[in-house]
């Protein structure tokens, strides 16, 4: 799947180590879903990095 995205000049962004999920989701109560929150935080960090890199 990643190869297809890259061949289409798309940027693939994940949430980072140790899981490297592509995408993020919260299940039920967000305050109690630690893994979901970590996934979203990691994804947002990586999106910020990509956007700042493209500004340069």
PDB file of N, CA and C in Angstrom:
ATOM      1  N   UNK A   1       0.827  -1.185   0.000  1.00  0.00           N
ATOM      2  CA  UNK A   1       0.000   0.000   0.000  1.00  0.00           C
ATOM      3  C   UNK A   1       0.877   1.256   0.000  1.00  0.00           C
ATOM      4  N   UNK A   2       1.921   1.273   0.842  1.00  0.00           N
ATOM      5  CA  UNK A   2       2.800   2.446   0.895  1.00  0.00           C
ATOM      6  C   UNK A   2       3.456   2.696  -0.458  1.00  0.00           C
ATOM      7  N   UNK A   3       3.850   1.624  -1.129  1.00  0.00           N
ATOM      8  CA  UNK A   3       4.491   1.767  -2.439  1.00  0.00           C
ATOM      9  C   UNK A   3       3.545   2.457  -3.416  1.00  0.00           C
ATOM     10  N   UNK A   4       2.272   2.073  -3.414  1.00  0.00           N
ATOM     11  CA  UNK A   4       1.299   2.715  -4.289  1.00  0.00           C
ATOM     12  C   UNK A   4       1.206   4.201  -3.985  1.00  0.00           C
ATOM     13  N   UNK A   5       1.099   4.554  -2.710  1.00  0.00           N
ATOM     14  CA  UNK A   5       1.013   5.969  -2.331  1.00  0.00           C
ATOM     15  C   UNK A   5       2.242   6.734  -2.813  1.00  0.00           C
ATOM     16  N   UNK A   6       3.407   6.168  -2.593  1.00  0.00           N
ATOM     17  CA  UNK A   6       4.641   6.840  -2.988  1.00  0.00           C
ATOM     18  C   UNK A   6       4.736   6.985  -4.501  1.00  0.00           C
ATOM     19  N   UNK A   7       4.267   5.990  -5.244  1.00  0.00           N
ATOM     20  CA  UNK A   7       4.279   6.077  -6.703  1.00  0.00           C
ATOM     21  C   UNK A   7       3.350   7.179  -7.193  1.00  0.00           C
ATOM     22  N   UNK A   8       2.354   7.529  -6.417  1.00  0.00           N
ATOM     23  CA  UNK A   8       1.411   8.588  -6.772  1.00  0.00           C
ATOM     24  C   UNK A   8       1.849   9.943  -6.211  1.00  0.00           C
ATOM     25  N   UNK A   9       3.096  10.022  -5.716  1.00  0.00           N
ATOM     26  CA  UNK A   9       3.656  11.230  -5.111  1.00  0.00           C
ATOM     27  C   UNK A   9       2.887  11.687  -3.869  1.00  0.00           C
ATOM     28  N   UNK A  10       2.318  10.739  -3.155  1.00  0.00           N
ATOM     29  CA  UNK A  10       1.630  11.045  -1.900  1.00  0.00           C
ATOM     30  C   UNK A  10       2.623  10.933  -0.753  1.00  0.00           C
ATOM     31  N   UNK A  11       2.356  11.660   0.303  1.00  0.00           N
ATOM     32  CA  UNK A  11       3.184  11.591   1.498  1.00  0.00           C
ATOM     33  C   UNK A  11       2.502  10.654   2.486  1.00  0.00           C
ATOM     34  N   UNK A  12       3.239   9.662   2.967  1.00  0.00           N
ATOM     35  CA  UNK A  12       2.707   8.717   3.943  1.00  0.00           C
ATOM     36  C   UNK A  12       3.230   9.134   5.312  1.00  0.00           C
ATOM     37  N   UNK A  13       2.328   9.427   6.239  1.00  0.00           N
ATOM     38  CA  UNK A  13       2.711   9.861   7.576  1.00  0.00           C
ATOM     39  C   UNK A  13       2.103   8.901   8.586  1.00  0.00           C
ATOM     40  N   UNK A  14       2.935   8.422   9.494  1.00  0.00           N
ATOM     41  CA  UNK A  14       2.434   7.526  10.539  1.00  0.00           C
ATOM     42  C   UNK A  14       2.619   8.175  11.899  1.00  0.00           C
ATOM     43  N   UNK A  15       2.275   7.423  12.955  1.00  0.00           N
ATOM     44  CA  UNK A  15       2.377   7.993  14.303  1.00  0.00           C
ATOM     45  C   UNK A  15       3.749   7.766  14.928  1.00  0.00           C
ATOM     46  N   UNK A  16       4.624   7.012  14.277  1.00  0.00           N
ATOM     47  CA  UNK A  16       5.978   6.796  14.780  1.00  0.00           C
ATOM     48  C   UNK A  16       6.104   5.546  15.641  1.00  0.00           C
ATOM     49  N   UNK A  17       7.284   5.349  16.161  1.00  0.00           N
ATOM     50  CA  UNK A  17       7.586   4.166  16.969  1.00  0.00           C
ATOM     51  C   UNK A  17       6.788   4.169  18.259  1.00  0.00           C
ATOM     52  N   UNK A  18       6.514   3.063  18.834  1.00  0.00           N
ATOM     53  CA  UNK A  18       6.889   1.713  18.418  1.00  0.00           C
ATOM     54  C   UNK A  18       5.873   1.042  17.505  1.00  0.00           C
ATOM     55  N   UNK A  19       4.719   1.684  17.237  1.00  0.00           N
ATOM     56  CA  UNK A  19       3.660   0.994  16.492  1.00  0.00           C
ATOM     57  C   UNK A  19       3.605   1.335  15.011  1.00  0.00           C
ATOM     58  N   UNK A  20       3.867   2.565  14.649  1.00  0.00           N
ATOM     59  CA  UNK A  20       3.834   3.035  13.260  1.00  0.00           C
ATOM     60  C   UNK A  20       2.484   2.796  12.589  1.00  0.00           C
ATOM     61  N   UNK A  21       1.413   3.221  13.260  1.00  0.00           N
ATOM     62  CA  UNK A  21       0.083   3.160  12.660  1.00  0.00           C
ATOM     63  C   UNK A  21      -0.027   4.224  11.580  1.00  0.00           C
ATOM     64  N   UNK A  22      -0.731   3.915  10.511  1.00  0.00           N
ATOM     65  CA  UNK A  22      -1.049   4.916   9.511  1.00  0.00           C
ATOM     66  C   UNK A  22      -2.502   5.290   9.760  1.00  0.00           C
ATOM     67  N   UNK A  23      -2.699   6.477  10.293  1.00  0.00           N
ATOM     68  CA  UNK A  23      -4.031   6.899  10.707  1.00  0.00           C
ATOM     69  C   UNK A  23      -4.146   6.822  12.218  1.00  0.00           C
ATOM     70  N   UNK A  24      -5.236   7.334  12.734  1.00  0.00           N
ATOM     71  CA  UNK A  24      -5.436   7.322  14.177  1.00  0.00           C
ATOM     72  C   UNK A  24      -6.927   7.264  14.468  1.00  0.00           C
ATOM     73  N   UNK A  25      -7.271   6.662  15.577  1.00  0.00           N
ATOM     74  CA  UNK A  25      -8.676   6.557  15.966  1.00  0.00           C
ATOM     75  C   UNK A  25      -8.788   6.534  17.481  1.00  0.00           C
ATOM     76  N   UNK A  26      -9.887   7.073  17.976  1.00  0.00           N
ATOM     77  CA  UNK A  26     -10.212   7.023  19.398  1.00  0.00           C
ATOM     78  C   UNK A  26     -11.388   6.065  19.550  1.00  0.00           C
ATOM     79  N   UNK A  27     -11.296   5.181  20.515  1.00  0.00           N
ATOM     80  CA  UNK A  27     -12.370   4.229  20.759  1.00  0.00           C
ATOM     81  C   UNK A  27     -13.094   4.636  22.039  1.00  0.00           C
ATOM     82  N   UNK A  28     -14.388   4.857  21.926  1.00  0.00           N
ATOM     83  CA  UNK A  28     -15.258   5.235  23.036  1.00  0.00           C
ATOM     84  C   UNK A  28     -14.777   6.506  23.731  1.00  0.00           C
ATOM     85  N   UNK A  29     -14.524   6.458  25.024  1.00  0.00           N
ATOM     86  CA  UNK A  29     -14.162   7.635  25.822  1.00  0.00           C
ATOM     87  C   UNK A  29     -12.700   8.000  25.594  1.00  0.00           C
ATOM     88  N   UNK A  30     -12.449   9.140  24.957  1.00  0.00           N
ATOM     89  CA  UNK A  30     -11.086   9.551  24.599  1.00  0.00           C
ATOM     90  C   UNK A  30     -10.177   9.671  25.821  1.00  0.00           C
ATOM     91  N   UNK A  31     -10.709  10.138  26.934  1.00  0.00           N
ATOM     92  CA  UNK A  31      -9.879  10.321  28.136  1.00  0.00           C
ATOM     93  C   UNK A  31      -9.311   9.009  28.654  1.00  0.00           C
ATOM     94  N   UNK A  32      -9.983   7.897  28.371  1.00  0.00           N
ATOM     95  CA  UNK A  32      -9.536   6.589  28.864  1.00  0.00           C
ATOM     96  C   UNK A  32      -8.770   5.786  27.810  1.00  0.00           C
ATOM     97  N   UNK A  33      -8.741   6.271  26.575  1.00  0.00           N
ATOM     98  CA  UNK A  33      -8.087   5.549  25.489  1.00  0.00           C
ATOM     99  C   UNK A  33      -6.653   6.058  25.315  1.00  0.00           C
ATOM    100  N   UNK A  34      -5.763   5.580  26.178  1.00  0.00           N
ATOM    101  CA  UNK A  34      -4.375   6.059  26.161  1.00  0.00           C
ATOM    102  C   UNK A  34      -3.675   5.770  24.837  1.00  0.00           C
ATOM    103  N   UNK A  35      -3.859   4.577  24.305  1.00  0.00           N
ATOM    104  CA  UNK A  35      -3.201   4.227  23.045  1.00  0.00           C
ATOM    105  C   UNK A  35      -3.738   5.095  21.907  1.00  0.00           C
ATOM    106  N   UNK A  36      -5.042   5.322  21.880  1.00  0.00           N
ATOM    107  CA  UNK A  36      -5.624   6.183  20.851  1.00  0.00           C
ATOM    108  C   UNK A  36      -5.070   7.597  20.921  1.00  0.00           C
ATOM    109  N   UNK A  37      -4.953   8.131  22.127  1.00  0.00           N
ATOM    110  CA  UNK A  37      -4.412   9.481  22.305  1.00  0.00           C
ATOM    111  C   UNK A  37      -2.938   9.539  21.914  1.00  0.00           C
ATOM    112  N   UNK A  38      -2.169   8.525  22.277  1.00  0.00           N
ATOM    113  CA  UNK A  38      -0.750   8.487  21.899  1.00  0.00           C
ATOM    114  C   UNK A  38      -0.607   8.430  20.381  1.00  0.00           C
ATOM    115  N   UNK A  39      -1.472   7.649  19.739  1.00  0.00           N
ATOM    116  CA  UNK A  39      -1.436   7.529  18.287  1.00  0.00           C
ATOM    117  C   UNK A  39      -1.708   8.876  17.626  1.00  0.00           C
ATOM    118  N   UNK A  40      -2.731   9.575  18.110  1.00  0.00           N
ATOM    119  CA  UNK A  40      -3.070  10.883  17.538  1.00  0.00           C
ATOM    120  C   UNK A  40      -1.966  11.897  17.804  1.00  0.00           C
ATOM    121  N   UNK A  41      -1.414  11.900  19.009  1.00  0.00           N
ATOM    122  CA  UNK A  41      -0.329  12.837  19.327  1.00  0.00           C
ATOM    123  C   UNK A  41       0.882  12.598  18.438  1.00  0.00           C
ATOM    124  N   UNK A  42       1.234  11.336  18.238  1.00  0.00           N
ATOM    125  CA  UNK A  42       2.367  11.006  17.370  1.00  0.00           C
ATOM    126  C   UNK A  42       2.116  11.414  15.932  1.00  0.00           C
ATOM    127  N   UNK A  43       0.900  11.191  15.474  1.00  0.00           N
ATOM    128  CA  UNK A  43       0.542  11.553  14.115  1.00  0.00           C
ATOM    129  C   UNK A  43       0.601  13.069  13.921  1.00  0.00           C
ATOM    130  N   UNK A  44       0.071  13.819  14.877  1.00  0.00           N
ATOM    131  CA  UNK A  44       0.097  15.287  14.789  1.00  0.00           C
ATOM    132  C   UNK A  44       1.535  15.789  14.786  1.00  0.00           C
ATOM    133  N   UNK A  45       2.387  15.219  15.630  1.00  0.00           N
ATOM    134  CA  UNK A  45       3.805  15.613  15.653  1.00  0.00           C
ATOM    135  C   UNK A  45       4.440  15.406  14.281  1.00  0.00           C
ATOM    136  N   UNK A  46       4.168  14.260  13.681  1.00  0.00           N
ATOM    137  CA  UNK A  46       4.782  13.960  12.388  1.00  0.00           C
ATOM    138  C   UNK A  46       4.205  14.817  11.270  1.00  0.00           C
ATOM    139  N   UNK A  47       2.927  15.173  11.352  1.00  0.00           N
ATOM    140  CA  UNK A  47       2.343  16.084  10.369  1.00  0.00           C
ATOM    141  C   UNK A  47       2.990  17.461  10.508  1.00  0.00           C
ATOM    142  N   UNK A  48       3.174  17.919  11.744  1.00  0.00           N
ATOM    143  CA  UNK A  48       3.838  19.216  11.976  1.00  0.00           C
ATOM    144  C   UNK A  48       5.242  19.212  11.395  1.00  0.00           C
ATOM    145  N   UNK A  49       5.987  18.129  11.609  1.00  0.00           N
ATOM    146  CA  UNK A  49       7.342  18.032  11.063  1.00  0.00           C
ATOM    147  C   UNK A  49       7.324  18.121   9.542  1.00  0.00           C
ATOM    148  N   UNK A  50       6.399  17.398   8.919  1.00  0.00           N
ATOM    149  CA  UNK A  50       6.318  17.399   7.459  1.00  0.00           C
ATOM    150  C   UNK A  50       5.948  18.785   6.935  1.00  0.00           C
ATOM    151  N   UNK A  51       4.988  19.446   7.575  1.00  0.00           N
ATOM    152  CA  UNK A  51       4.587  20.771   7.122  1.00  0.00           C
ATOM    153  C   UNK A  51       5.708  21.788   7.303  1.00  0.00           C
ATOM    154  N   UNK A  52       6.437  21.719   8.414  1.00  0.00           N
ATOM    155  CA  UNK A  52       7.542  22.667   8.618  1.00  0.00           C
ATOM    156  C   UNK A  52       8.671  22.393   7.626  1.00  0.00           C
ATOM    157  N   UNK A  53       8.890  21.146   7.283  1.00  0.00           N
ATOM    158  CA  UNK A  53       9.920  20.801   6.304  1.00  0.00           C
ATOM    159  C   UNK A  53       9.561  21.366   4.933  1.00  0.00           C
ATOM    160  N   UNK A  54       8.297  21.338   4.593  1.00  0.00           N
ATOM    161  CA  UNK A  54       7.853  21.839   3.288  1.00  0.00           C
ATOM    162  C   UNK A  54       7.877  23.355   3.204  1.00  0.00           C
ATOM    163  N   UNK A  55       7.845  24.052   4.336  1.00  0.00           N
ATOM    164  CA  UNK A  55       7.903  25.521   4.345  1.00  0.00           C
ATOM    165  C   UNK A  55       9.298  26.021   3.998  1.00  0.00           C
ATOM    166  N   UNK A  56      10.302  25.201   4.271  1.00  0.00           N
ATOM    167  CA  UNK A  56      11.701  25.635   4.075  1.00  0.00           C
ATOM    168  C   UNK A  56      12.076  25.770   2.637  1.00  0.00           C
TER     169      UNK A  56
END
